[in-house]
C-alpha cells in the first residue's frame, strides 16, 4: 500500500508539480479578473470614441427620369458616429453621406421618409437626428381636392 502511494506521488513528479503550478496561476488570474470586473483582453481592445457632425445636408436620391424638384424639411440633420480615435480625427463631414431615397415615389401629401446614412469603413453610425424628414413636392404636382 505504501509502495503504491509512493509510486503515485514520485512517478512523473516534475510534470505533476508543473501542472499544479499552472493550475494555481490560472486560478489566481481568474479570481483577480473577477474581483476587478475587467476582461484580460481589455488592453488589447481598440478604444472607440464618438463624434457628432452638426448640420449635414440631406441629399435626395430620385430616378433620372423624375424631373420634379423635391425638397425635404428639415434640410440638415445631426449625425453621431463611433470609431477609432485616429480615424475620427481625420474624418470630414464630406465623408458622411446623408440621403433620402425617393425612387418610385408618386405625389402624396404628408409623406415622411427615413434618412439613410453611409459612413466610411471602420466608422459606425450611432444616431441620426431627426431619423425621418418630411418630403415637400412642388405645388404644381400635388392634386387638389374640390370642395
N, C-alpha and C. Protein backbone atom coordinates (compact mmCIF):
# COMPACT_ATOMS: atom_id res chain seq x y z
N UNK A 1 0.81 -1.19 0.00
CA UNK A 1 0.00 0.00 0.00
C UNK A 1 0.86 1.26 0.00
N UNK A 2 1.90 1.25 0.83
CA UNK A 2 2.81 2.39 0.89
C UNK A 2 3.56 2.52 -0.43
N UNK A 3 3.90 1.42 -1.01
CA UNK A 3 4.60 1.44 -2.29
C UNK A 3 3.73 2.04 -3.38
N UNK A 4 2.43 1.76 -3.34
CA UNK A 4 1.50 2.31 -4.32
C UNK A 4 1.38 3.82 -4.16
N UNK A 5 1.27 4.30 -2.93
CA UNK A 5 1.18 5.75 -2.69
C UNK A 5 2.48 6.45 -3.09
N UNK A 6 3.59 5.83 -2.79
CA UNK A 6 4.90 6.41 -3.15
C UNK A 6 5.02 6.51 -4.67
N UNK A 7 4.58 5.45 -5.37
CA UNK A 7 4.63 5.45 -6.83
C UNK A 7 3.73 6.54 -7.41
N UNK A 8 2.54 6.75 -6.80
CA UNK A 8 1.60 7.77 -7.25
C UNK A 8 2.20 9.17 -7.12
N UNK A 9 2.94 9.44 -6.07
CA UNK A 9 3.49 10.77 -5.84
C UNK A 9 4.79 10.98 -6.60
N UNK A 10 5.68 10.02 -6.56
CA UNK A 10 7.02 10.20 -7.11
C UNK A 10 7.08 10.06 -8.62
N UNK A 11 6.26 9.17 -9.19
CA UNK A 11 6.32 8.96 -10.63
C UNK A 11 5.81 10.22 -11.34
N UNK A 12 6.59 10.72 -12.30
CA UNK A 12 6.31 11.95 -13.06
C UNK A 12 6.11 13.15 -12.12
N UNK A 13 6.95 13.25 -11.10
CA UNK A 13 6.82 14.29 -10.09
C UNK A 13 6.90 15.68 -10.70
N UNK A 14 7.86 15.94 -11.58
CA UNK A 14 8.06 17.28 -12.13
C UNK A 14 6.89 17.69 -13.03
N UNK A 15 6.33 16.76 -13.75
CA UNK A 15 5.16 17.05 -14.58
C UNK A 15 3.96 17.39 -13.71
N UNK A 16 3.79 16.67 -12.64
CA UNK A 16 2.69 16.94 -11.71
C UNK A 16 2.88 18.28 -11.02
N UNK A 17 4.09 18.60 -10.64
CA UNK A 17 4.36 19.89 -9.99
C UNK A 17 4.10 21.04 -10.96
N UNK A 18 4.54 20.88 -12.21
CA UNK A 18 4.29 21.91 -13.23
C UNK A 18 2.79 22.12 -13.45
N UNK A 19 2.03 21.03 -13.52
CA UNK A 19 0.58 21.11 -13.71
C UNK A 19 -0.09 21.82 -12.54
N UNK A 20 0.37 21.54 -11.34
CA UNK A 20 -0.19 22.19 -10.15
C UNK A 20 0.10 23.69 -10.16
N UNK A 21 1.32 24.06 -10.52
CA UNK A 21 1.67 25.49 -10.56
C UNK A 21 0.87 26.21 -11.65
N UNK A 22 0.68 25.57 -12.79
CA UNK A 22 -0.10 26.15 -13.87
C UNK A 22 -1.56 26.34 -13.44
N UNK A 23 -2.12 25.36 -12.76
CA UNK A 23 -3.50 25.45 -12.28
C UNK A 23 -3.64 26.59 -11.27
N UNK A 24 -2.67 26.76 -10.38
CA UNK A 24 -2.72 27.85 -9.40
C UNK A 24 -2.61 29.20 -10.10
N UNK A 25 -1.77 29.31 -11.11
CA UNK A 25 -1.63 30.55 -11.86
C UNK A 25 -2.93 30.92 -12.57
N UNK A 26 -3.57 29.96 -13.18
CA UNK A 26 -4.86 30.21 -13.85
C UNK A 26 -5.91 30.63 -12.83
N UNK A 27 -5.96 29.95 -11.70
CA UNK A 27 -6.93 30.29 -10.66
C UNK A 27 -6.72 31.70 -10.15
N UNK A 28 -5.48 32.09 -9.90
CA UNK A 28 -5.18 33.45 -9.42
C UNK A 28 -5.59 34.48 -10.46
N UNK A 29 -5.31 34.23 -11.73
CA UNK A 29 -5.66 35.17 -12.80
C UNK A 29 -7.17 35.34 -12.90
N UNK A 30 -7.91 34.26 -12.89
CA UNK A 30 -9.37 34.34 -12.99
C UNK A 30 -9.96 35.04 -11.78
N UNK A 31 -9.50 34.73 -10.59
CA UNK A 31 -10.05 35.39 -9.40
C UNK A 31 -9.70 36.88 -9.39
N UNK A 32 -8.54 37.27 -9.90
CA UNK A 32 -8.17 38.68 -10.00
C UNK A 32 -9.09 39.41 -10.98
N UNK A 33 -9.37 38.79 -12.10
CA UNK A 33 -10.24 39.40 -13.11
C UNK A 33 -11.66 39.54 -12.57
N UNK A 34 -12.14 38.54 -11.85
CA UNK A 34 -13.49 38.61 -11.28
C UNK A 34 -13.57 39.73 -10.25
N UNK A 35 -12.58 39.88 -9.41
CA UNK A 35 -12.58 40.93 -8.40
C UNK A 35 -12.50 42.32 -9.02
N UNK A 36 -11.72 42.48 -10.06
CA UNK A 36 -11.56 43.78 -10.71
C UNK A 36 -12.70 44.10 -11.67
N UNK A 37 -13.40 43.07 -12.12
CA UNK A 37 -14.50 43.27 -13.04
C UNK A 37 -14.05 43.65 -14.44
N UNK A 38 -12.84 43.32 -14.79
CA UNK A 38 -12.30 43.67 -16.10
C UNK A 38 -11.95 42.42 -16.88
N UNK A 39 -11.90 42.59 -18.17
CA UNK A 39 -11.51 41.48 -19.03
C UNK A 39 -10.00 41.50 -19.23
N UNK A 40 -9.34 40.35 -19.30
CA UNK A 40 -7.91 40.36 -19.54
C UNK A 40 -7.57 40.86 -20.94
N UNK A 41 -8.53 40.87 -21.85
CA UNK A 41 -8.29 41.33 -23.22
C UNK A 41 -8.53 42.82 -23.38
N UNK A 42 -8.95 43.53 -22.34
CA UNK A 42 -9.26 44.96 -22.44
C UNK A 42 -8.09 45.79 -22.95
N UNK A 43 -6.86 45.59 -22.51
CA UNK A 43 -5.78 46.41 -23.05
C UNK A 43 -5.56 46.19 -24.54
N UNK A 44 -5.97 45.06 -25.07
CA UNK A 44 -5.79 44.79 -26.49
C UNK A 44 -6.89 45.38 -27.34
N UNK A 45 -8.02 45.74 -26.74
CA UNK A 45 -9.16 46.23 -27.50
C UNK A 45 -8.92 47.67 -27.94
N UNK A 46 -9.51 48.03 -29.09
CA UNK A 46 -9.41 49.38 -29.60
C UNK A 46 -10.44 50.24 -28.87
N UNK A 47 -10.01 51.38 -28.37
CA UNK A 47 -10.91 52.26 -27.67
C UNK A 47 -11.67 53.09 -28.70
N UNK A 48 -12.99 52.95 -28.69
CA UNK A 48 -13.81 53.67 -29.66
C UNK A 48 -14.29 54.98 -29.04
N UNK A 49 -14.29 56.01 -29.85
CA UNK A 49 -14.79 57.31 -29.42
C UNK A 49 -15.96 57.69 -30.30
N UNK A 50 -16.73 58.68 -29.84
CA UNK A 50 -17.87 59.16 -30.62
C UNK A 50 -17.62 60.60 -31.03
N UNK A 51 -18.20 60.96 -32.18
CA UNK A 51 -18.10 62.32 -32.69
C UNK A 51 -19.42 62.68 -33.35
N UNK A 52 -19.87 63.90 -33.13
CA UNK A 52 -21.14 64.35 -33.70
C UNK A 52 -20.87 65.41 -34.76
N UNK A 53 -21.51 65.23 -35.91
CA UNK A 53 -21.43 66.20 -37.00
C UNK A 53 -22.77 66.93 -37.07
N UNK A 54 -22.72 68.24 -36.97
CA UNK A 54 -23.92 69.05 -36.99
C UNK A 54 -24.18 69.59 -38.40
N UNK A 55 -25.44 69.83 -38.71
CA UNK A 55 -25.86 70.50 -39.94
C UNK A 55 -25.35 69.82 -41.22
N UNK A 56 -25.46 68.50 -41.28
CA UNK A 56 -25.11 67.78 -42.51
C UNK A 56 -26.30 67.89 -43.47
N UNK A 57 -26.06 68.29 -44.71
CA UNK A 57 -27.18 68.45 -45.65
C UNK A 57 -27.75 67.09 -46.07
N UNK A 58 -29.06 67.05 -46.22
CA UNK A 58 -29.76 65.84 -46.64
C UNK A 58 -29.87 65.86 -48.16
N UNK A 59 -29.29 64.86 -48.81
CA UNK A 59 -29.38 64.73 -50.26
C UNK A 59 -30.63 63.96 -50.64
N UNK A 60 -31.08 64.17 -51.86
CA UNK A 60 -32.28 63.48 -52.36
C UNK A 60 -31.87 62.59 -53.51
N UNK A 61 -32.25 61.31 -53.42
CA UNK A 61 -31.97 60.37 -54.49
C UNK A 61 -33.30 60.02 -55.16
N UNK A 62 -33.42 60.36 -56.45
CA UNK A 62 -34.62 60.04 -57.20
C UNK A 62 -34.19 59.47 -58.54
N UNK A 63 -35.14 58.94 -59.28
CA UNK A 63 -34.80 58.34 -60.57
C UNK A 63 -34.40 59.44 -61.56
N UNK A 64 -33.63 59.07 -62.57
CA UNK A 64 -33.14 60.04 -63.55
C UNK A 64 -34.28 60.62 -64.37
N UNK A 65 -35.34 59.87 -64.55
CA UNK A 65 -36.48 60.34 -65.34
C UNK A 65 -37.36 61.31 -64.55
N UNK A 66 -37.21 61.34 -63.25
CA UNK A 66 -38.04 62.20 -62.41
C UNK A 66 -37.46 63.61 -62.40
N UNK A 67 -38.20 64.57 -62.97
CA UNK A 67 -37.68 65.94 -63.07
C UNK A 67 -38.29 66.87 -62.02
N UNK A 68 -39.09 66.32 -61.12
CA UNK A 68 -39.69 67.16 -60.08
C UNK A 68 -38.62 67.64 -59.10
N UNK A 69 -38.83 68.79 -58.56
CA UNK A 69 -37.89 69.36 -57.59
C UNK A 69 -38.39 69.08 -56.18
N UNK A 70 -38.01 67.94 -55.65
CA UNK A 70 -38.39 67.60 -54.29
C UNK A 70 -37.56 68.43 -53.31
N UNK A 71 -38.14 68.67 -52.17
CA UNK A 71 -37.42 69.32 -51.07
C UNK A 71 -37.70 68.53 -49.80
N UNK A 72 -36.81 68.64 -48.85
CA UNK A 72 -37.00 67.96 -47.57
C UNK A 72 -37.00 68.98 -46.45
N UNK A 73 -37.70 68.66 -45.39
CA UNK A 73 -37.71 69.51 -44.21
C UNK A 73 -37.56 68.61 -42.99
N UNK A 74 -36.58 68.82 -42.18
CA UNK A 74 -35.52 69.81 -42.27
C UNK A 74 -34.48 69.42 -43.33
N UNK A 75 -33.75 70.40 -43.77
CA UNK A 75 -32.76 70.17 -44.83
C UNK A 75 -31.42 69.69 -44.28
N UNK A 76 -31.24 69.78 -42.98
CA UNK A 76 -29.97 69.35 -42.36
C UNK A 76 -30.26 68.47 -41.15
N UNK A 77 -29.35 67.51 -40.90
CA UNK A 77 -29.50 66.60 -39.76
C UNK A 77 -28.22 66.57 -38.94
N UNK A 78 -28.33 65.99 -37.78
CA UNK A 78 -27.19 65.80 -36.88
C UNK A 78 -26.86 64.31 -36.88
N UNK A 79 -25.59 63.97 -37.12
CA UNK A 79 -25.18 62.57 -37.21
C UNK A 79 -24.08 62.31 -36.18
N UNK A 80 -24.27 61.27 -35.37
CA UNK A 80 -23.26 60.85 -34.40
C UNK A 80 -22.69 59.51 -34.86
N UNK A 81 -21.36 59.44 -34.93
CA UNK A 81 -20.68 58.23 -35.37
C UNK A 81 -19.69 57.79 -34.30
N UNK A 82 -19.24 56.53 -34.42
CA UNK A 82 -18.31 55.96 -33.46
C UNK A 82 -17.22 55.22 -34.22
N UNK A 83 -16.00 55.31 -33.69
CA UNK A 83 -14.88 54.61 -34.33
C UNK A 83 -13.59 54.87 -33.60
N UNK A 84 -12.51 54.42 -34.19
CA UNK A 84 -11.18 54.62 -33.64
C UNK A 84 -10.87 56.11 -33.59
N UNK A 85 -10.23 56.56 -32.52
CA UNK A 85 -9.97 57.98 -32.32
C UNK A 85 -9.14 58.57 -33.46
N UNK A 86 -8.15 57.85 -33.94
CA UNK A 86 -7.32 58.35 -35.04
C UNK A 86 -8.09 58.53 -36.32
N UNK A 87 -8.99 57.58 -36.61
CA UNK A 87 -9.81 57.66 -37.82
C UNK A 87 -10.82 58.80 -37.68
N UNK A 88 -11.41 58.96 -36.50
CA UNK A 88 -12.39 60.02 -36.30
C UNK A 88 -11.78 61.40 -36.44
N UNK A 89 -10.52 61.57 -36.04
CA UNK A 89 -9.88 62.88 -36.17
C UNK A 89 -9.72 63.28 -37.63
N UNK A 90 -9.49 62.29 -38.50
CA UNK A 90 -9.29 62.57 -39.92
C UNK A 90 -10.61 62.66 -40.68
N UNK A 91 -11.70 62.22 -40.07
CA UNK A 91 -13.00 62.18 -40.73
C UNK A 91 -13.54 63.58 -40.95
N UNK A 92 -14.00 63.85 -42.18
CA UNK A 92 -14.60 65.14 -42.51
C UNK A 92 -16.10 64.95 -42.70
N UNK A 93 -16.84 66.01 -42.60
CA UNK A 93 -18.29 65.91 -42.78
C UNK A 93 -18.62 65.48 -44.21
N UNK A 94 -17.77 65.79 -45.18
CA UNK A 94 -18.00 65.39 -46.57
C UNK A 94 -17.87 63.88 -46.76
N UNK A 95 -17.24 63.18 -45.81
CA UNK A 95 -17.08 61.73 -45.91
C UNK A 95 -18.35 60.98 -45.51
N UNK A 96 -19.30 61.68 -44.90
CA UNK A 96 -20.55 61.07 -44.45
C UNK A 96 -21.65 61.50 -45.42
N UNK A 97 -22.35 60.52 -45.98
CA UNK A 97 -23.42 60.80 -46.95
C UNK A 97 -24.78 60.61 -46.27
N UNK A 98 -25.60 61.64 -46.38
CA UNK A 98 -26.95 61.60 -45.82
C UNK A 98 -27.93 61.72 -46.98
N UNK A 99 -28.76 60.68 -47.16
CA UNK A 99 -29.67 60.64 -48.31
C UNK A 99 -31.08 60.25 -47.90
N UNK A 100 -32.02 60.67 -48.73
CA UNK A 100 -33.41 60.21 -48.65
C UNK A 100 -33.72 59.61 -50.01
N UNK A 101 -34.14 58.35 -50.04
CA UNK A 101 -34.41 57.64 -51.29
C UNK A 101 -35.86 57.88 -51.71
N UNK A 102 -36.03 58.58 -52.84
CA UNK A 102 -37.36 58.88 -53.36
C UNK A 102 -37.63 58.19 -54.69
N UNK A 103 -36.87 57.18 -55.02
CA UNK A 103 -37.11 56.47 -56.28
C UNK A 103 -38.45 55.74 -56.19
N UNK A 104 -39.25 55.89 -57.23
CA UNK A 104 -40.54 55.22 -57.28
C UNK A 104 -41.62 55.87 -56.46
N UNK A 105 -41.41 57.08 -55.98
CA UNK A 105 -42.40 57.78 -55.17
C UNK A 105 -43.26 58.66 -56.07
N UNK A 106 -44.57 58.55 -55.92
CA UNK A 106 -45.50 59.43 -56.61
C UNK A 106 -45.92 60.51 -55.63
N UNK A 107 -46.58 61.53 -56.12
CA UNK A 107 -47.03 62.64 -55.28
C UNK A 107 -47.97 62.14 -54.19
N UNK A 108 -47.71 62.53 -52.98
CA UNK A 108 -48.56 62.18 -51.85
C UNK A 108 -48.41 63.25 -50.79
N UNK A 109 -49.48 63.55 -50.12
CA UNK A 109 -49.44 64.57 -49.08
C UNK A 109 -48.91 63.98 -47.78
N UNK A 110 -48.20 64.78 -47.03
CA UNK A 110 -47.69 64.42 -45.71
C UNK A 110 -46.84 63.15 -45.73
N UNK A 111 -45.91 63.08 -46.64
CA UNK A 111 -45.03 61.92 -46.75
C UNK A 111 -43.78 62.14 -45.92
N UNK A 112 -43.42 61.14 -45.12
CA UNK A 112 -42.19 61.17 -44.32
C UNK A 112 -41.33 59.99 -44.76
N UNK A 113 -40.03 60.23 -44.91
CA UNK A 113 -39.11 59.16 -45.32
C UNK A 113 -37.96 59.11 -44.32
N UNK A 114 -37.46 57.90 -44.15
CA UNK A 114 -36.33 57.67 -43.24
C UNK A 114 -35.04 58.15 -43.89
N UNK A 115 -34.19 58.76 -43.08
CA UNK A 115 -32.89 59.25 -43.53
C UNK A 115 -31.91 58.08 -43.54
N UNK A 116 -31.18 57.92 -44.65
CA UNK A 116 -30.18 56.86 -44.77
C UNK A 116 -28.80 57.50 -44.72
N UNK A 117 -27.91 56.93 -43.89
CA UNK A 117 -26.57 57.48 -43.70
C UNK A 117 -25.55 56.42 -44.08
N UNK A 118 -24.59 56.80 -44.90
CA UNK A 118 -23.48 55.88 -45.21
C UNK A 118 -22.19 56.51 -44.70
N UNK A 119 -21.39 55.66 -44.04
CA UNK A 119 -20.15 56.11 -43.43
C UNK A 119 -18.98 55.33 -44.01
N UNK A 120 -17.77 55.85 -43.90
CA UNK A 120 -16.60 55.11 -44.38
C UNK A 120 -16.37 53.83 -43.56
N UNK A 121 -15.56 52.94 -44.10
CA UNK A 121 -15.22 51.69 -43.40
C UNK A 121 -14.57 51.99 -42.06
N UNK A 122 -14.95 51.25 -41.05
CA UNK A 122 -14.38 51.42 -39.71
C UNK A 122 -15.13 52.44 -38.87
N UNK A 123 -16.13 53.08 -39.45
CA UNK A 123 -16.92 54.07 -38.73
C UNK A 123 -18.34 53.53 -38.62
N UNK A 124 -18.89 53.52 -37.41
CA UNK A 124 -20.24 53.00 -37.18
C UNK A 124 -21.19 54.15 -36.89
N UNK A 125 -22.38 54.07 -37.46
CA UNK A 125 -23.41 55.06 -37.21
C UNK A 125 -24.02 54.79 -35.84
N UNK A 126 -24.12 55.83 -35.01
CA UNK A 126 -24.71 55.70 -33.69
C UNK A 126 -26.13 56.26 -33.70
N UNK A 127 -26.29 57.49 -34.25
CA UNK A 127 -27.59 58.15 -34.17
C UNK A 127 -27.72 59.19 -35.27
N UNK A 128 -28.94 59.36 -35.77
CA UNK A 128 -29.29 60.43 -36.71
C UNK A 128 -30.45 61.19 -36.10
N UNK A 129 -30.35 62.51 -36.06
CA UNK A 129 -31.42 63.32 -35.50
C UNK A 129 -31.76 64.42 -36.49
N UNK A 130 -32.96 64.46 -37.01
CA UNK A 130 -34.08 63.53 -36.86
C UNK A 130 -33.88 62.31 -37.74
N UNK A 131 -34.60 61.25 -37.42
CA UNK A 131 -34.48 60.00 -38.18
C UNK A 131 -35.29 60.03 -39.46
N UNK A 132 -36.32 60.86 -39.50
CA UNK A 132 -37.17 60.98 -40.68
C UNK A 132 -37.31 62.45 -41.05
N UNK A 133 -37.55 62.70 -42.35
CA UNK A 133 -37.77 64.06 -42.83
C UNK A 133 -39.07 64.10 -43.62
N UNK A 134 -39.67 65.28 -43.69
CA UNK A 134 -40.87 65.49 -44.49
C UNK A 134 -40.46 65.74 -45.93
N UNK A 135 -41.19 65.16 -46.86
CA UNK A 135 -40.94 65.36 -48.28
C UNK A 135 -41.91 66.42 -48.78
N UNK A 136 -41.37 67.46 -49.41
CA UNK A 136 -42.18 68.55 -49.93
C UNK A 136 -42.14 68.47 -51.45
N UNK A 137 -43.33 68.35 -52.06
CA UNK A 137 -43.45 68.26 -53.50
C UNK A 137 -43.73 69.64 -54.07
N UNK A 138 -43.37 69.86 -55.33
CA UNK A 138 -43.74 71.12 -55.98
C UNK A 138 -45.27 71.22 -56.02
N UNK A 139 -45.78 72.43 -55.81
CA UNK A 139 -47.22 72.62 -55.72
C UNK A 139 -47.96 72.28 -56.99
N UNK A 140 -47.32 72.34 -58.16
CA UNK A 140 -47.98 72.05 -59.42
C UNK A 140 -48.32 70.58 -59.55
N UNK A 141 -47.66 69.69 -58.79
CA UNK A 141 -47.88 68.26 -58.96
C UNK A 141 -48.75 67.64 -57.88
N UNK A 142 -49.15 68.43 -56.88
CA UNK A 142 -49.98 67.86 -55.82
C UNK A 142 -51.44 68.00 -56.24
N UNK A 143 -52.17 66.91 -56.34
CA UNK A 143 -53.56 67.02 -56.73
C UNK A 143 -54.37 67.69 -55.63
N UNK A 144 -55.24 68.59 -56.04
CA UNK A 144 -56.06 69.32 -55.07
C UNK A 144 -57.48 68.77 -55.12
N UNK A 145 -58.08 68.65 -53.96
CA UNK A 145 -59.46 68.18 -53.91
C UNK A 145 -60.41 69.35 -54.08
N UNK A 146 -61.55 69.09 -54.70
CA UNK A 146 -62.55 70.14 -54.93
C UNK A 146 -63.52 70.16 -53.77
N UNK A 147 -63.87 71.36 -53.30
CA UNK A 147 -64.82 71.44 -52.18
C UNK A 147 -66.25 71.14 -52.57
